[in-house]
Amino acid sequence: MLMFSKAAVMAQNDDAYAQDPLQSIPASTRRRLSPYAKLLMRGVLQLLEHHPQAAKIPVVLASQHGDLHRTIKLLHELAADQPLSPTQFSLSVNNAVLGQLSILLGNTAAMTTIAAGERTFAMGWLEASLQLQQAPEVLFIYTDEPPPEPYPEHAALPERSFTFATLLSREEGCPVRFETHQAATANTSLISAAEHLQRSITQLQATQVELCRDNQRWQWHVGG
C-alpha cells in the first residue's frame, strides 16, 4: 500500500522546547488538559507550525490505552463510593481528546479513534491510509502512556509516553509503502520503530522500518 508523508514529528514528556507549543493554547483551555492530552497537543502543534492546512483535515488517532490515568482515578473514586465528576467522566472516553482538538483547531472534518491492543499503531496507520481514498490528506496521530498500576504487568506498551504524528498524502511528500505479514517472531520496540520512522521521513532517507507485535510483522518502506 503506497502513500506519501509530508511531515512526521515525535513528542515526549522530557523534550526541551525553546518555546513550549502549548503556550499557544489559551490558559483556561490548557488547564483542563490532562498530561495525555498535552502530549498529543504538543505533537500536533509542532506539525502544524509548518503545515497549517493539517488543522482542517480528517484525523485518525490511535491509542492503546487512551487517557487511562484519568479513568483509573474515576474507578478509585467509584470504589470509594465518591460522586463522579461529570466533566472528568466525559473526558475519560477514548475520543474525548479529539473533541478537545477539534474545538481548539475549529476542525469539523471527520475524526476517528483506533484501539487494537498491541497492534494499535499499525492498525491506526492502516485506517489513516484507507481514509486517503476519500480525502487528499489525513493527519495520523499515535499517543500513549505507560498504563498505571495495577495494569503494567498486563499491558506493557508503550515503554514511555510519546506522540507520533504524520501528515499523510495521496500524492505529495516522502513515499511510504506499508505492508504486513504474519510472523511468529519476538516483539520489537514500538517507540524505537516510531522514532526510526519519523527520522526516515524527515530526512527523506530510503530505509525499511519494521515493527513486530502479537505474531504480526509490519514494514514501512520509506523513500526510494
Protein backbone atom coordinates (compact mmCIF):
# COMPACT_ATOMS: atom_id res chain seq x y z
CA MET A 1 0.00 0.00 0.00
CA LEU A 2 1.70 3.18 -1.23
CA MET A 3 1.14 6.63 0.27
CA PHE A 4 3.19 9.75 0.96
CA SER A 5 4.13 11.63 4.12
CA LYS A 6 4.66 15.39 4.04
CA ALA A 7 6.00 15.53 7.60
CA ALA A 8 6.41 13.49 10.77
CA VAL A 9 7.09 14.58 14.36
CA MET A 10 7.70 12.96 17.73
CA ALA A 11 6.91 14.46 21.13
CA GLN A 12 7.92 13.07 24.52
CA ASN A 13 7.43 14.31 28.06
CA ASP A 14 11.13 15.05 28.57
CA ASP A 15 11.53 17.07 25.36
CA ALA A 16 13.04 20.54 25.80
CA TYR A 17 11.48 23.46 23.91
CA ALA A 18 12.74 26.98 23.37
CA GLN A 19 9.03 27.83 23.41
CA ASP A 20 6.52 25.22 24.51
CA PRO A 21 3.93 24.73 21.72
CA LEU A 22 1.23 24.58 24.41
CA GLN A 23 1.73 28.28 25.11
CA SER A 24 -0.33 28.99 22.00
CA ILE A 25 -3.36 27.43 23.73
CA PRO A 26 -5.45 29.75 25.94
CA ALA A 27 -4.58 29.26 29.61
CA SER A 28 -8.18 28.43 30.54
CA THR A 29 -8.16 25.58 28.00
CA ARG A 30 -4.63 24.44 28.82
CA ARG A 31 -5.51 23.94 32.49
CA ARG A 32 -8.21 21.41 31.54
CA LEU A 33 -5.83 19.24 29.53
CA SER A 34 -4.56 16.05 31.12
CA PRO A 35 -0.88 15.03 30.69
CA TYR A 36 -2.03 12.65 27.95
CA ALA A 37 -3.90 15.41 26.12
CA LYS A 38 -0.97 17.83 26.48
CA LEU A 39 1.39 15.27 24.97
CA LEU A 40 -0.92 14.81 21.98
CA MET A 41 -1.37 18.56 21.51
CA ARG A 42 2.39 19.16 21.58
CA GLY A 43 2.93 16.74 18.73
CA VAL A 44 0.08 18.12 16.63
CA LEU A 45 1.04 21.75 17.19
CA GLN A 46 4.64 21.06 16.17
CA LEU A 47 3.44 19.60 12.89
CA LEU A 48 1.02 22.48 12.30
CA GLU A 49 3.84 25.04 12.54
CA HIS A 50 4.98 24.08 9.04
CA HIS A 51 1.75 22.55 7.70
CA PRO A 52 -1.15 24.71 8.91
CA GLN A 53 -3.53 23.11 6.40
CA ALA A 54 -3.47 19.98 8.58
CA ALA A 55 -5.71 21.83 11.06
CA LYS A 56 -8.71 21.31 8.79
CA ILE A 57 -8.33 17.74 7.51
CA PRO A 58 -9.54 14.31 8.74
CA VAL A 59 -7.74 12.94 11.79
CA VAL A 60 -7.07 9.37 12.89
CA LEU A 61 -5.92 8.91 16.49
CA ALA A 62 -4.51 5.55 17.56
CA SER A 63 -4.05 4.86 21.27
CA GLN A 64 -3.88 1.52 23.01
CA HIS A 65 -4.76 2.91 26.44
CA GLY A 66 -6.16 6.38 25.84
CA ASP A 67 -6.36 8.62 28.91
CA LEU A 68 -6.22 5.61 31.22
CA HIS A 69 -4.77 7.58 34.15
CA ARG A 70 -7.94 9.67 34.23
CA THR A 71 -10.09 6.52 34.04
CA ILE A 72 -8.22 4.85 36.90
CA LYS A 73 -8.78 7.90 39.09
CA LEU A 74 -12.51 7.69 38.36
CA LEU A 75 -12.56 3.97 39.20
CA HIS A 76 -10.86 4.64 42.54
CA GLU A 77 -13.48 7.30 43.32
CA LEU A 78 -16.24 4.88 42.34
CA ALA A 79 -14.79 2.17 44.56
CA ALA A 80 -14.67 4.64 47.44
CA ASP A 81 -18.33 5.48 46.83
CA GLN A 82 -17.43 9.05 45.91
CA PRO A 83 -19.52 11.09 43.45
CA LEU A 84 -18.02 11.19 39.94
CA SER A 85 -17.29 14.47 38.22
CA PRO A 86 -19.39 14.68 35.01
CA THR A 87 -16.56 16.62 33.35
CA GLN A 88 -13.90 14.06 34.27
CA PHE A 89 -16.19 11.23 33.18
CA SER A 90 -16.90 12.81 29.79
CA LEU A 91 -13.18 13.39 29.22
CA SER A 92 -12.25 9.78 30.04
CA VAL A 93 -13.62 8.25 26.84
CA ASN A 94 -11.14 7.46 24.08
CA ASN A 95 -12.32 10.12 21.62
CA ALA A 96 -12.64 12.96 24.16
CA VAL A 97 -9.20 14.36 23.34
CA LEU A 98 -10.20 14.56 19.67
CA GLY A 99 -13.17 16.66 20.73
CA GLN A 100 -10.79 18.99 22.55
CA LEU A 101 -8.53 19.10 19.47
CA SER A 102 -11.49 19.77 17.18
CA ILE A 103 -12.61 22.72 19.30
CA LEU A 104 -9.07 24.10 19.59
CA LEU A 105 -8.46 23.98 15.83
CA GLY A 106 -12.01 24.65 14.67
CA ASN A 107 -11.75 21.43 12.68
CA THR A 108 -15.10 20.00 11.54
CA ALA A 109 -13.58 17.19 9.43
CA ALA A 110 -14.05 13.53 10.35
CA MET A 111 -12.11 12.29 13.37
CA THR A 112 -11.59 8.60 14.17
CA THR A 113 -10.09 6.76 17.14
CA ILE A 114 -8.50 3.33 16.95
CA ALA A 115 -7.62 0.94 19.80
CA ALA A 116 -6.42 -2.53 18.80
CA GLY A 117 -4.25 -3.83 21.61
CA GLU A 118 -0.59 -4.32 20.70
CA ARG A 119 -1.47 -3.78 17.03
CA THR A 120 -2.83 -0.27 17.64
CA PHE A 121 -0.04 1.72 15.94
CA ALA A 122 -0.20 -0.34 12.75
CA MET A 123 -4.00 -0.51 12.68
CA GLY A 124 -4.19 3.26 13.12
CA TRP A 125 -1.77 3.73 10.21
CA LEU A 126 -3.87 1.34 8.11
CA GLU A 127 -7.08 3.27 8.91
CA ALA A 128 -5.43 6.58 8.01
CA SER A 129 -4.11 5.20 4.73
CA LEU A 130 -7.54 3.85 3.80
CA GLN A 131 -9.10 7.26 4.51
CA LEU A 132 -6.81 8.69 1.84
CA GLN A 133 -9.22 7.12 -0.64
CA GLN A 134 -11.76 9.76 0.43
CA ALA A 135 -9.52 12.71 1.36
CA PRO A 136 -6.29 14.02 -0.23
CA GLU A 137 -4.63 14.39 3.17
CA VAL A 138 -5.11 12.72 6.58
CA LEU A 139 -3.44 13.51 9.89
CA PHE A 140 -2.39 10.33 11.71
CA ILE A 141 -1.58 10.57 15.42
CA TYR A 142 -0.43 7.91 17.86
CA THR A 143 -0.34 8.88 21.53
CA ASP A 144 0.08 6.61 24.53
CA GLU A 145 1.38 6.48 28.08
CA PRO A 146 2.57 3.51 30.13
CA PRO A 147 -0.50 2.20 31.94
CA PRO A 148 -0.77 2.98 35.67
CA GLU A 149 -0.96 0.41 38.46
CA PRO A 150 -2.24 -2.25 38.56
CA TYR A 151 -2.03 -2.70 34.78
CA PRO A 152 1.69 -2.66 33.74
CA GLU A 153 2.12 -6.42 34.11
CA HIS A 154 -0.87 -6.97 31.82
CA ALA A 155 -0.14 -4.29 29.21
CA ALA A 156 3.49 -3.29 28.92
CA LEU A 157 3.21 -0.95 25.91
CA PRO A 158 4.47 1.67 25.44
CA GLU A 159 7.92 1.81 27.01
CA ARG A 160 7.40 5.52 27.78
CA SER A 161 4.94 8.28 26.93
CA PHE A 162 5.15 9.66 23.42
CA THR A 163 3.23 11.11 20.48
CA PHE A 164 3.95 10.35 16.84
CA ALA A 165 2.16 12.46 14.24
CA THR A 166 2.43 12.43 10.46
CA LEU A 167 0.67 14.24 7.63
CA LEU A 168 -0.23 11.58 5.06
CA SER A 169 -0.98 12.48 1.45
CA ARG A 170 -2.16 10.69 -1.67
CA GLU A 171 0.41 12.22 -3.99
CA GLU A 172 2.96 14.54 -2.31
CA GLY A 173 5.83 14.04 0.11
CA CYS A 174 8.12 11.21 1.07
CA PRO A 175 6.89 7.89 -0.42
CA VAL A 176 5.99 5.23 2.15
CA ARG A 177 4.92 1.69 1.27
CA PHE A 178 3.17 -0.14 4.10
CA GLU A 179 2.76 -3.91 4.26
CA THR A 180 2.15 -6.66 6.80
CA HIS A 181 2.98 -10.35 7.22
CA GLN A 182 2.14 -12.99 9.79
CA ALA A 183 5.30 -13.98 11.62
CA ALA A 184 5.97 -15.86 14.85
CA THR A 185 8.77 -13.52 15.91
CA ALA A 186 9.70 -11.78 19.15
CA ASN A 187 8.10 -8.42 19.84
CA THR A 188 10.15 -5.36 18.93
CA SER A 189 10.15 -1.89 20.45
CA LEU A 190 7.27 0.34 19.41
CA ILE A 191 8.94 3.61 20.31
CA SER A 192 12.14 2.63 18.50
CA ALA A 193 10.14 1.89 15.36
CA ALA A 194 8.25 5.18 15.66
CA GLU A 195 11.48 7.16 16.14
CA HIS A 196 13.09 5.41 13.17
CA LEU A 197 10.03 6.08 11.00
CA GLN A 198 9.89 9.76 11.99
CA ARG A 199 13.60 10.25 11.37
CA SER A 200 13.49 8.49 7.99
CA ILE A 201 10.53 10.54 6.76
CA THR A 202 12.04 13.81 7.98
CA GLN A 203 15.42 13.11 6.38
CA LEU A 204 13.89 11.58 3.20
CA GLN A 205 16.05 8.57 3.95
CA ALA A 206 15.49 5.38 1.96
CA THR A 207 15.12 2.65 4.58
CA GLN A 208 12.89 -0.08 5.95
CA VAL A 209 11.23 0.24 9.36
CA GLU A 210 9.89 -2.90 10.99
CA LEU A 211 7.58 -3.48 13.94
CA CYS A 212 6.75 -6.94 15.30
CA ARG A 213 3.90 -7.32 17.78
CA ASP A 214 1.44 -10.08 18.57
CA ASN A 215 2.77 -12.52 15.92
CA GLN A 216 2.47 -9.90 13.19
CA ARG A 217 5.20 -8.05 11.29
CA TRP A 218 4.58 -4.60 9.79
CA GLN A 219 7.02 -2.92 7.46
CA TRP A 220 7.28 0.66 6.27
CA HIS A 221 9.47 1.08 3.18
CA VAL A 222 10.42 4.76 3.23
CA GLY A 223 11.79 6.67 0.25
CA GLY A 224 13.23 5.14 -2.87
